[in-house]
All heavy atoms as atom14 arrays in JSON, in Angstrom:
{
  "sequence": "CAIGEPGNMVLTQPSESDLRMRDTVAKEVILPRWTERCGPECTAN",
  "atom14_mask": [
    [1, 1, 1, 1, 1, 1, 0, 0, 0, 0, 0, 0, 0, 0],
    [1, 1, 1, 1, 1, 0, 0, 0, 0, 0, 0, 0, 0, 0],
    [1, 1, 1, 1, 1, 1, 1, 1, 0, 0, 0, 0, 0, 0],
    [1, 1, 1, 1, 0, 0, 0, 0, 0, 0, 0, 0, 0, 0],
    [1, 1, 1, 1, 1, 1, 1, 1, 1, 0, 0, 0, 0, 0],
    [1, 1, 1, 1, 1, 1, 1, 0, 0, 0, 0, 0, 0, 0],
    [1, 1, 1, 1, 0, 0, 0, 0, 0, 0, 0, 0, 0, 0],
    [1, 1, 1, 1, 1, 1, 1, 1, 0, 0, 0, 0, 0, 0],
    [1, 1, 1, 1, 1, 1, 1, 1, 0, 0, 0, 0, 0, 0],
    [1, 1, 1, 1, 1, 1, 1, 0, 0, 0, 0, 0, 0, 0],
    [1, 1, 1, 1, 1, 1, 1, 1, 0, 0, 0, 0, 0, 0],
    [1, 1, 1, 1, 1, 1, 1, 0, 0, 0, 0, 0, 0, 0],
    [1, 1, 1, 1, 1, 1, 1, 1, 1, 0, 0, 0, 0, 0],
    [1, 1, 1, 1, 1, 1, 1, 0, 0, 0, 0, 0, 0, 0],
    [1, 1, 1, 1, 1, 1, 0, 0, 0, 0, 0, 0, 0, 0],
    [1, 1, 1, 1, 1, 1, 1, 1, 1, 0, 0, 0, 0, 0],
    [1, 1, 1, 1, 1, 1, 0, 0, 0, 0, 0, 0, 0, 0],
    [1, 1, 1, 1, 1, 1, 1, 1, 0, 0, 0, 0, 0, 0],
    [1, 1, 1, 1, 1, 1, 1, 1, 0, 0, 0, 0, 0, 0],
    [1, 1, 1, 1, 1, 1, 1, 1, 1, 1, 1, 0, 0, 0],
    [1, 1, 1, 1, 1, 1, 1, 1, 0, 0, 0, 0, 0, 0],
    [1, 1, 1, 1, 1, 1, 1, 1, 1, 1, 1, 0, 0, 0],
    [1, 1, 1, 1, 1, 1, 1, 1, 0, 0, 0, 0, 0, 0],
    [1, 1, 1, 1, 1, 1, 1, 0, 0, 0, 0, 0, 0, 0],
    [1, 1, 1, 1, 1, 1, 1, 0, 0, 0, 0, 0, 0, 0],
    [1, 1, 1, 1, 1, 0, 0, 0, 0, 0, 0, 0, 0, 0],
    [1, 1, 1, 1, 1, 1, 1, 1, 1, 0, 0, 0, 0, 0],
    [1, 1, 1, 1, 1, 1, 1, 1, 1, 0, 0, 0, 0, 0],
    [1, 1, 1, 1, 1, 1, 1, 0, 0, 0, 0, 0, 0, 0],
    [1, 1, 1, 1, 1, 1, 1, 1, 0, 0, 0, 0, 0, 0],
    [1, 1, 1, 1, 1, 1, 1, 1, 0, 0, 0, 0, 0, 0],
    [1, 1, 1, 1, 1, 1, 1, 0, 0, 0, 0, 0, 0, 0],
    [1, 1, 1, 1, 1, 1, 1, 1, 1, 1, 1, 0, 0, 0],
    [1, 1, 1, 1, 1, 1, 1, 1, 1, 1, 1, 1, 1, 1],
    [1, 1, 1, 1, 1, 1, 1, 0, 0, 0, 0, 0, 0, 0],
    [1, 1, 1, 1, 1, 1, 1, 1, 1, 0, 0, 0, 0, 0],
    [1, 1, 1, 1, 1, 1, 1, 1, 1, 1, 1, 0, 0, 0],
    [1, 1, 1, 1, 1, 1, 0, 0, 0, 0, 0, 0, 0, 0],
    [1, 1, 1, 1, 0, 0, 0, 0, 0, 0, 0, 0, 0, 0],
    [1, 1, 1, 1, 1, 1, 1, 0, 0, 0, 0, 0, 0, 0],
    [1, 1, 1, 1, 1, 1, 1, 1, 1, 0, 0, 0, 0, 0],
    [1, 1, 1, 1, 1, 1, 0, 0, 0, 0, 0, 0, 0, 0],
    [1, 1, 1, 1, 1, 1, 1, 0, 0, 0, 0, 0, 0, 0],
    [1, 1, 1, 1, 1, 0, 0, 0, 0, 0, 0, 0, 0, 0],
    [1, 1, 1, 1, 1, 1, 1, 1, 0, 0, 0, 0, 0, 0]
  ],
  "atom14_positions": [
    [[100.24, 90.62, 112.13], [99.02, 90.64, 111.32], [97.82, 90.86, 112.24], [97.5, 90.01, 113.06], [98.87, 89.32, 110.55], [97.39, 89.29, 109.49], [0.0, 0.0, 0.0], [0.0, 0.0, 0.0], [0.0, 0.0, 0.0], [0.0, 0.0, 0.0], [0.0, 0.0, 0.0], [0.0, 0.0, 0.0], [0.0, 0.0, 0.0], [0.0, 0.0, 0.0]],
    [[97.17, 92.01, 112.07], [96.04, 92.36, 112.92], [94.74, 91.74, 112.47], [93.73, 91.81, 113.18], [95.9, 93.89, 112.96], [0.0, 0.0, 0.0], [0.0, 0.0, 0.0], [0.0, 0.0, 0.0], [0.0, 0.0, 0.0], [0.0, 0.0, 0.0], [0.0, 0.0, 0.0], [0.0, 0.0, 0.0], [0.0, 0.0, 0.0], [0.0, 0.0, 0.0]],
    [[94.73, 91.1, 111.29], [93.47, 90.58, 110.75], [93.45, 89.07, 110.66], [92.5, 88.48, 110.12], [93.19, 91.19, 109.36], [94.34, 90.89, 108.37], [92.97, 92.68, 109.47], [94.06, 91.37, 106.96], [0.0, 0.0, 0.0], [0.0, 0.0, 0.0], [0.0, 0.0, 0.0], [0.0, 0.0, 0.0], [0.0, 0.0, 0.0], [0.0, 0.0, 0.0]],
    [[94.47, 88.4, 111.18], [94.5, 86.94, 111.14], [95.88, 86.41, 111.43], [96.76, 87.12, 111.95], [0.0, 0.0, 0.0], [0.0, 0.0, 0.0], [0.0, 0.0, 0.0], [0.0, 0.0, 0.0], [0.0, 0.0, 0.0], [0.0, 0.0, 0.0], [0.0, 0.0, 0.0], [0.0, 0.0, 0.0], [0.0, 0.0, 0.0], [0.0, 0.0, 0.0]],
    [[96.09, 85.16, 111.06], [97.39, 84.53, 111.29], [98.34, 84.84, 110.13], [97.94, 84.88, 108.98], [97.21, 83.0, 111.38], [96.42, 82.54, 112.6], [97.13, 82.91, 113.9], [98.37, 82.76, 113.96], [96.44, 83.32, 114.85], [0.0, 0.0, 0.0], [0.0, 0.0, 0.0], [0.0, 0.0, 0.0], [0.0, 0.0, 0.0], [0.0, 0.0, 0.0]],
    [[99.63, 85.05, 110.44], [100.61, 85.28, 109.36], [100.69, 84.09, 108.42], [100.56, 82.94, 108.83], [101.92, 85.48, 110.12], [101.52, 85.89, 111.5], [100.23, 85.17, 111.77], [0.0, 0.0, 0.0], [0.0, 0.0, 0.0], [0.0, 0.0, 0.0], [0.0, 0.0, 0.0], [0.0, 0.0, 0.0], [0.0, 0.0, 0.0], [0.0, 0.0, 0.0]],
    [[100.9, 84.4, 107.13], [100.96, 83.34, 106.13], [102.33, 82.74, 105.94], [102.48, 81.72, 105.26], [0.0, 0.0, 0.0], [0.0, 0.0, 0.0], [0.0, 0.0, 0.0], [0.0, 0.0, 0.0], [0.0, 0.0, 0.0], [0.0, 0.0, 0.0], [0.0, 0.0, 0.0], [0.0, 0.0, 0.0], [0.0, 0.0, 0.0], [0.0, 0.0, 0.0]],
    [[103.37, 83.38, 106.51], [104.75, 82.88, 106.42], [105.22, 82.69, 104.98], [106.03, 81.81, 104.7], [104.89, 81.56, 107.2], [104.65, 81.78, 108.68], [105.22, 82.68, 109.28], [103.78, 80.95, 109.27], [0.0, 0.0, 0.0], [0.0, 0.0, 0.0], [0.0, 0.0, 0.0], [0.0, 0.0, 0.0], [0.0, 0.0, 0.0], [0.0, 0.0, 0.0]],
    [[104.74, 83.54, 104.09], [105.22, 83.53, 102.71], [106.59, 84.21, 102.66], [106.86, 85.15, 103.41], [104.22, 84.27, 101.82], [104.57, 84.29, 100.34], [103.36, 85.26, 99.34], [102.03, 84.08, 99.16], [0.0, 0.0, 0.0], [0.0, 0.0, 0.0], [0.0, 0.0, 0.0], [0.0, 0.0, 0.0], [0.0, 0.0, 0.0], [0.0, 0.0, 0.0]],
    [[107.44, 83.72, 101.78], [108.75, 84.35, 101.55], [108.57, 85.4, 100.47], [108.21, 85.1, 99.34], [109.8, 83.3, 101.11], [111.12, 84.0, 100.81], [109.97, 82.23, 102.19], [0.0, 0.0, 0.0], [0.0, 0.0, 0.0], [0.0, 0.0, 0.0], [0.0, 0.0, 0.0], [0.0, 0.0, 0.0], [0.0, 0.0, 0.0], [0.0, 0.0, 0.0]],
    [[108.82, 86.66, 100.84], [108.62, 87.77, 99.9], [109.97, 88.31, 99.42], [110.88, 88.52, 100.21], [107.85, 88.9, 100.58], [106.46, 88.57, 101.12], [105.8, 89.82, 101.71], [105.56, 87.96, 100.04], [0.0, 0.0, 0.0], [0.0, 0.0, 0.0], [0.0, 0.0, 0.0], [0.0, 0.0, 0.0], [0.0, 0.0, 0.0], [0.0, 0.0, 0.0]],
    [[110.05, 88.53, 98.11], [111.26, 89.11, 97.51], [110.9, 90.44, 96.87], [109.96, 90.53, 96.07], [111.84, 88.17, 96.44], [112.19, 86.93, 97.04], [113.07, 88.81, 95.8], [0.0, 0.0, 0.0], [0.0, 0.0, 0.0], [0.0, 0.0, 0.0], [0.0, 0.0, 0.0], [0.0, 0.0, 0.0], [0.0, 0.0, 0.0], [0.0, 0.0, 0.0]],
    [[111.62, 91.47, 97.25], [111.39, 92.79, 96.66], [112.16, 92.93, 95.35], [113.29, 92.43, 95.24], [111.83, 93.89, 97.63], [111.0, 93.97, 98.89], [111.43, 95.12, 99.77], [112.39, 95.83, 99.48], [110.7, 95.34, 100.85], [0.0, 0.0, 0.0], [0.0, 0.0, 0.0], [0.0, 0.0, 0.0], [0.0, 0.0, 0.0], [0.0, 0.0, 0.0]],
    [[111.57, 93.61, 94.37], [112.28, 93.82, 93.1], [113.47, 94.76, 93.29], [113.43, 95.68, 94.12], [111.22, 94.45, 92.2], [110.26, 95.08, 93.14], [110.23, 94.21, 94.36], [0.0, 0.0, 0.0], [0.0, 0.0, 0.0], [0.0, 0.0, 0.0], [0.0, 0.0, 0.0], [0.0, 0.0, 0.0], [0.0, 0.0, 0.0], [0.0, 0.0, 0.0]],
    [[114.51, 94.52, 92.53], [115.7, 95.39, 92.55], [115.47, 96.6, 91.65], [114.46, 96.69, 90.92], [116.91, 94.61, 92.05], [116.75, 94.3, 90.68], [0.0, 0.0, 0.0], [0.0, 0.0, 0.0], [0.0, 0.0, 0.0], [0.0, 0.0, 0.0], [0.0, 0.0, 0.0], [0.0, 0.0, 0.0], [0.0, 0.0, 0.0], [0.0, 0.0, 0.0]],
    [[116.4, 97.53, 91.69], [116.3, 98.7, 90.81], [116.3, 98.28, 89.34], [115.59, 98.87, 88.52], [117.46, 99.65, 91.09], [117.34, 100.39, 92.41], [116.11, 101.27, 92.5], [115.77, 101.9, 91.46], [115.49, 101.32, 93.58], [0.0, 0.0, 0.0], [0.0, 0.0, 0.0], [0.0, 0.0, 0.0], [0.0, 0.0, 0.0], [0.0, 0.0, 0.0]],
    [[117.08, 97.27, 88.99], [117.1, 96.81, 87.6], [115.77, 96.15, 87.22], [115.32, 96.28, 86.07], [118.27, 95.84, 87.37], [118.13, 94.68, 88.17], [0.0, 0.0, 0.0], [0.0, 0.0, 0.0], [0.0, 0.0, 0.0], [0.0, 0.0, 0.0], [0.0, 0.0, 0.0], [0.0, 0.0, 0.0], [0.0, 0.0, 0.0], [0.0, 0.0, 0.0]],
    [[115.14, 95.46, 88.18], [113.82, 94.9, 87.92], [112.8, 96.01, 87.64], [111.99, 95.88, 86.71], [113.33, 94.09, 89.15], [114.11, 92.81, 89.37], [114.54, 92.2, 88.38], [114.26, 92.42, 90.55], [0.0, 0.0, 0.0], [0.0, 0.0, 0.0], [0.0, 0.0, 0.0], [0.0, 0.0, 0.0], [0.0, 0.0, 0.0], [0.0, 0.0, 0.0]],
    [[112.85, 97.05, 88.41], [111.93, 98.17, 88.23], [112.14, 98.85, 86.88], [111.18, 99.23, 86.2], [112.06, 99.17, 89.37], [111.77, 98.65, 90.78], [111.96, 99.74, 91.81], [110.37, 98.06, 90.87], [0.0, 0.0, 0.0], [0.0, 0.0, 0.0], [0.0, 0.0, 0.0], [0.0, 0.0, 0.0], [0.0, 0.0, 0.0], [0.0, 0.0, 0.0]],
    [[113.39, 99.0, 86.49], [113.69, 99.61, 85.19], [113.17, 98.72, 84.05], [112.61, 99.22, 83.08], [115.2, 99.84, 85.04], [115.73, 101.01, 85.87], [117.13, 101.41, 85.42], [118.1, 100.32, 85.63], [118.79, 100.15, 86.74], [118.62, 100.99, 87.77], [119.67, 99.16, 86.85], [0.0, 0.0, 0.0], [0.0, 0.0, 0.0], [0.0, 0.0, 0.0]],
    [[113.34, 97.4, 84.2], [112.85, 96.5, 83.16], [111.33, 96.54, 83.08], [110.76, 96.54, 81.97], [113.32, 95.06, 83.43], [112.86, 94.07, 82.38], [113.54, 92.42, 82.62], [115.26, 92.71, 82.2], [0.0, 0.0, 0.0], [0.0, 0.0, 0.0], [0.0, 0.0, 0.0], [0.0, 0.0, 0.0], [0.0, 0.0, 0.0], [0.0, 0.0, 0.0]],
    [[110.67, 96.58, 84.24], [109.21, 96.68, 84.23], [108.76, 97.94, 83.5], [107.83, 97.91, 82.69], [108.68, 96.7, 85.67], [107.15, 96.89, 85.75], [106.7, 97.27, 87.14], [107.35, 98.5, 87.59], [107.4, 98.89, 88.85], [106.85, 98.16, 89.8], [108.01, 100.04, 89.17], [0.0, 0.0, 0.0], [0.0, 0.0, 0.0], [0.0, 0.0, 0.0]],
    [[109.42, 99.07, 83.78], [109.05, 100.34, 83.12], [109.29, 100.28, 81.62], [108.5, 100.82, 80.83], [109.85, 101.48, 83.74], [109.47, 101.75, 85.19], [108.41, 101.24, 85.64], [110.22, 102.45, 85.89], [0.0, 0.0, 0.0], [0.0, 0.0, 0.0], [0.0, 0.0, 0.0], [0.0, 0.0, 0.0], [0.0, 0.0, 0.0], [0.0, 0.0, 0.0]],
    [[110.36, 99.61, 81.22], [110.64, 99.46, 79.8], [109.57, 98.63, 79.11], [109.08, 98.97, 78.02], [112.03, 98.81, 79.6], [113.03, 99.67, 80.13], [112.3, 98.56, 78.11], [0.0, 0.0, 0.0], [0.0, 0.0, 0.0], [0.0, 0.0, 0.0], [0.0, 0.0, 0.0], [0.0, 0.0, 0.0], [0.0, 0.0, 0.0], [0.0, 0.0, 0.0]],
    [[109.18, 97.52, 79.74], [108.12, 96.67, 79.19], [106.81, 97.44, 79.1], [106.07, 97.33, 78.11], [107.97, 95.39, 80.05], [106.71, 94.62, 79.64], [109.19, 94.51, 79.93], [0.0, 0.0, 0.0], [0.0, 0.0, 0.0], [0.0, 0.0, 0.0], [0.0, 0.0, 0.0], [0.0, 0.0, 0.0], [0.0, 0.0, 0.0], [0.0, 0.0, 0.0]],
    [[106.52, 98.25, 80.12], [105.29, 99.03, 80.12], [105.22, 99.97, 78.92], [104.2, 100.05, 78.23], [105.17, 99.83, 81.42], [0.0, 0.0, 0.0], [0.0, 0.0, 0.0], [0.0, 0.0, 0.0], [0.0, 0.0, 0.0], [0.0, 0.0, 0.0], [0.0, 0.0, 0.0], [0.0, 0.0, 0.0], [0.0, 0.0, 0.0], [0.0, 0.0, 0.0]],
    [[106.33, 100.65, 78.65], [106.32, 101.67, 77.59], [106.55, 101.08, 76.2], [106.05, 101.64, 75.21], [107.4, 102.71, 77.91], [107.11, 103.51, 79.17], [108.3, 104.39, 79.57], [108.04, 105.12, 80.87], [109.21, 105.91, 81.32], [0.0, 0.0, 0.0], [0.0, 0.0, 0.0], [0.0, 0.0, 0.0], [0.0, 0.0, 0.0], [0.0, 0.0, 0.0]],
    [[107.29, 99.97, 76.11], [107.65, 99.44, 74.79], [106.81, 98.24, 74.35], [106.82, 97.87, 73.18], [109.14, 99.05, 74.79], [110.07, 100.25, 74.99], [111.54, 99.87, 74.91], [111.84, 98.68, 74.65], [112.39, 100.77, 75.11], [0.0, 0.0, 0.0], [0.0, 0.0, 0.0], [0.0, 0.0, 0.0], [0.0, 0.0, 0.0], [0.0, 0.0, 0.0]],
    [[106.09, 97.63, 75.3], [105.27, 96.46, 74.96], [103.81, 96.72, 75.29], [102.93, 96.66, 74.43], [105.76, 95.19, 75.69], [104.87, 94.0, 75.36], [107.22, 94.89, 75.32], [0.0, 0.0, 0.0], [0.0, 0.0, 0.0], [0.0, 0.0, 0.0], [0.0, 0.0, 0.0], [0.0, 0.0, 0.0], [0.0, 0.0, 0.0], [0.0, 0.0, 0.0]],
    [[103.52, 96.99, 76.55], [102.13, 97.05, 77.02], [101.36, 98.2, 76.36], [100.27, 97.97, 75.8], [102.12, 97.2, 78.56], [102.69, 95.95, 79.21], [100.7, 97.46, 79.06], [103.04, 96.1, 80.66], [0.0, 0.0, 0.0], [0.0, 0.0, 0.0], [0.0, 0.0, 0.0], [0.0, 0.0, 0.0], [0.0, 0.0, 0.0], [0.0, 0.0, 0.0]],
    [[101.88, 99.41, 76.41], [101.17, 100.56, 75.86], [101.03, 100.47, 74.33], [99.92, 100.68, 73.81], [101.87, 101.85, 76.27], [101.17, 103.16, 75.94], [99.74, 103.17, 76.47], [101.96, 104.36, 76.5], [0.0, 0.0, 0.0], [0.0, 0.0, 0.0], [0.0, 0.0, 0.0], [0.0, 0.0, 0.0], [0.0, 0.0, 0.0], [0.0, 0.0, 0.0]],
    [[102.08, 100.15, 73.57], [101.9, 100.03, 72.12], [100.91, 98.93, 71.72], [100.14, 99.11, 70.76], [103.32, 99.71, 71.61], [104.22, 100.27, 72.67], [103.52, 100.04, 73.95], [0.0, 0.0, 0.0], [0.0, 0.0, 0.0], [0.0, 0.0, 0.0], [0.0, 0.0, 0.0], [0.0, 0.0, 0.0], [0.0, 0.0, 0.0], [0.0, 0.0, 0.0]],
    [[100.92, 97.79, 72.42], [99.98, 96.72, 72.06], [98.55, 97.16, 72.3], [97.66, 96.86, 71.48], [100.29, 95.46, 72.87], [101.54, 94.73, 72.4], [101.68, 93.41, 73.13], [102.86, 92.67, 72.69], [103.17, 91.45, 73.13], [102.4, 90.83, 74.02], [104.25, 90.84, 72.69], [0.0, 0.0, 0.0], [0.0, 0.0, 0.0], [0.0, 0.0, 0.0]],
    [[98.3, 97.83, 73.43], [96.94, 98.29, 73.67], [96.54, 99.33, 72.63], [95.39, 99.33, 72.17], [96.82, 98.89, 75.07], [95.47, 99.44, 75.34], [94.31, 98.74, 75.61], [95.08, 100.82, 75.31], [93.25, 99.6, 75.76], [93.7, 100.89, 75.58], [95.79, 102.01, 75.11], [93.0, 102.1, 75.65], [95.1, 103.21, 75.17], [93.71, 103.24, 75.43]],
    [[97.47, 100.18, 72.25], [97.2, 101.19, 71.23], [96.74, 100.53, 69.93], [95.77, 100.98, 69.29], [98.47, 102.03, 70.98], [98.81, 102.71, 72.18], [98.26, 103.04, 69.88], [0.0, 0.0, 0.0], [0.0, 0.0, 0.0], [0.0, 0.0, 0.0], [0.0, 0.0, 0.0], [0.0, 0.0, 0.0], [0.0, 0.0, 0.0], [0.0, 0.0, 0.0]],
    [[97.39, 99.46, 69.56], [97.01, 98.74, 68.33], [95.62, 98.13, 68.45], [94.85, 98.13, 67.48], [98.05, 97.67, 68.01], [99.4, 98.23, 67.6], [100.44, 97.15, 67.37], [100.11, 95.96, 67.57], [101.58, 97.49, 67.02], [0.0, 0.0, 0.0], [0.0, 0.0, 0.0], [0.0, 0.0, 0.0], [0.0, 0.0, 0.0], [0.0, 0.0, 0.0]],
    [[95.29, 97.61, 69.63], [93.97, 96.99, 69.83], [92.87, 98.03, 69.84], [91.77, 97.8, 69.32], [93.92, 96.23, 71.17], [94.81, 95.02, 71.24], [94.4, 94.11, 72.4], [94.57, 94.72, 73.72], [95.68, 94.68, 74.45], [96.76, 94.08, 73.94], [95.73, 95.2, 75.65], [0.0, 0.0, 0.0], [0.0, 0.0, 0.0], [0.0, 0.0, 0.0]],
    [[93.16, 99.19, 70.43], [92.1, 100.18, 70.66], [91.86, 101.09, 69.45], [90.75, 101.56, 69.25], [92.46, 101.01, 71.88], [91.04, 101.6, 72.81], [0.0, 0.0, 0.0], [0.0, 0.0, 0.0], [0.0, 0.0, 0.0], [0.0, 0.0, 0.0], [0.0, 0.0, 0.0], [0.0, 0.0, 0.0], [0.0, 0.0, 0.0], [0.0, 0.0, 0.0]],
    [[92.89, 101.34, 68.65], [92.7, 102.12, 67.45], [93.02, 103.6, 67.62], [93.21, 104.09, 68.74], [0.0, 0.0, 0.0], [0.0, 0.0, 0.0], [0.0, 0.0, 0.0], [0.0, 0.0, 0.0], [0.0, 0.0, 0.0], [0.0, 0.0, 0.0], [0.0, 0.0, 0.0], [0.0, 0.0, 0.0], [0.0, 0.0, 0.0], [0.0, 0.0, 0.0]],
    [[93.08, 104.34, 66.52], [93.53, 105.75, 66.53], [92.67, 106.68, 67.37], [93.19, 107.51, 68.14], [93.48, 106.15, 65.05], [93.55, 104.86, 64.31], [92.86, 103.86, 65.15], [0.0, 0.0, 0.0], [0.0, 0.0, 0.0], [0.0, 0.0, 0.0], [0.0, 0.0, 0.0], [0.0, 0.0, 0.0], [0.0, 0.0, 0.0], [0.0, 0.0, 0.0]],
    [[91.34, 106.59, 67.26], [90.46, 107.5, 68.0], [90.58, 107.26, 69.51], [90.68, 108.21, 70.3], [89.02, 107.31, 67.55], [88.06, 108.29, 68.2], [86.64, 108.14, 67.69], [86.44, 107.47, 66.64], [85.72, 108.69, 68.33], [0.0, 0.0, 0.0], [0.0, 0.0, 0.0], [0.0, 0.0, 0.0], [0.0, 0.0, 0.0], [0.0, 0.0, 0.0]],
    [[90.56, 105.99, 69.87], [90.7, 105.61, 71.27], [92.05, 106.06, 71.82], [92.14, 106.59, 72.94], [90.56, 104.09, 71.38], [90.87, 103.4, 73.0], [0.0, 0.0, 0.0], [0.0, 0.0, 0.0], [0.0, 0.0, 0.0], [0.0, 0.0, 0.0], [0.0, 0.0, 0.0], [0.0, 0.0, 0.0], [0.0, 0.0, 0.0], [0.0, 0.0, 0.0]],
    [[93.1, 105.89, 71.04], [94.44, 106.29, 71.46], [94.55, 107.79, 71.64], [95.14, 108.29, 72.61], [95.47, 105.81, 70.43], [95.42, 104.38, 70.33], [96.87, 106.26, 70.82], [0.0, 0.0, 0.0], [0.0, 0.0, 0.0], [0.0, 0.0, 0.0], [0.0, 0.0, 0.0], [0.0, 0.0, 0.0], [0.0, 0.0, 0.0], [0.0, 0.0, 0.0]],
    [[93.98, 108.55, 70.71], [94.01, 110.01, 70.8], [93.31, 110.48, 72.07], [93.78, 111.39, 72.76], [93.36, 110.63, 69.57], [0.0, 0.0, 0.0], [0.0, 0.0, 0.0], [0.0, 0.0, 0.0], [0.0, 0.0, 0.0], [0.0, 0.0, 0.0], [0.0, 0.0, 0.0], [0.0, 0.0, 0.0], [0.0, 0.0, 0.0], [0.0, 0.0, 0.0]],
    [[92.19, 109.84, 72.39], [91.47, 110.18, 73.62], [92.32, 109.86, 74.85], [92.38, 110.65, 75.8], [90.15, 109.42, 73.68], [89.42, 109.67, 74.98], [88.87, 110.74, 75.22], [89.42, 108.66, 75.85], [0.0, 0.0, 0.0], [0.0, 0.0, 0.0], [0.0, 0.0, 0.0], [0.0, 0.0, 0.0], [0.0, 0.0, 0.0], [0.0, 0.0, 0.0]]
  ]
}
């Protein structure tokens, strides 16, 4: 760490299945919910 002391946090990288699940949630949950909040004109834009 060039900017300070290391934090010694334990980091876990997502697996391929984690990444696929995230992408599924993005397309099937996050985007449709925002579409409903924002409305047709906003969505078309």
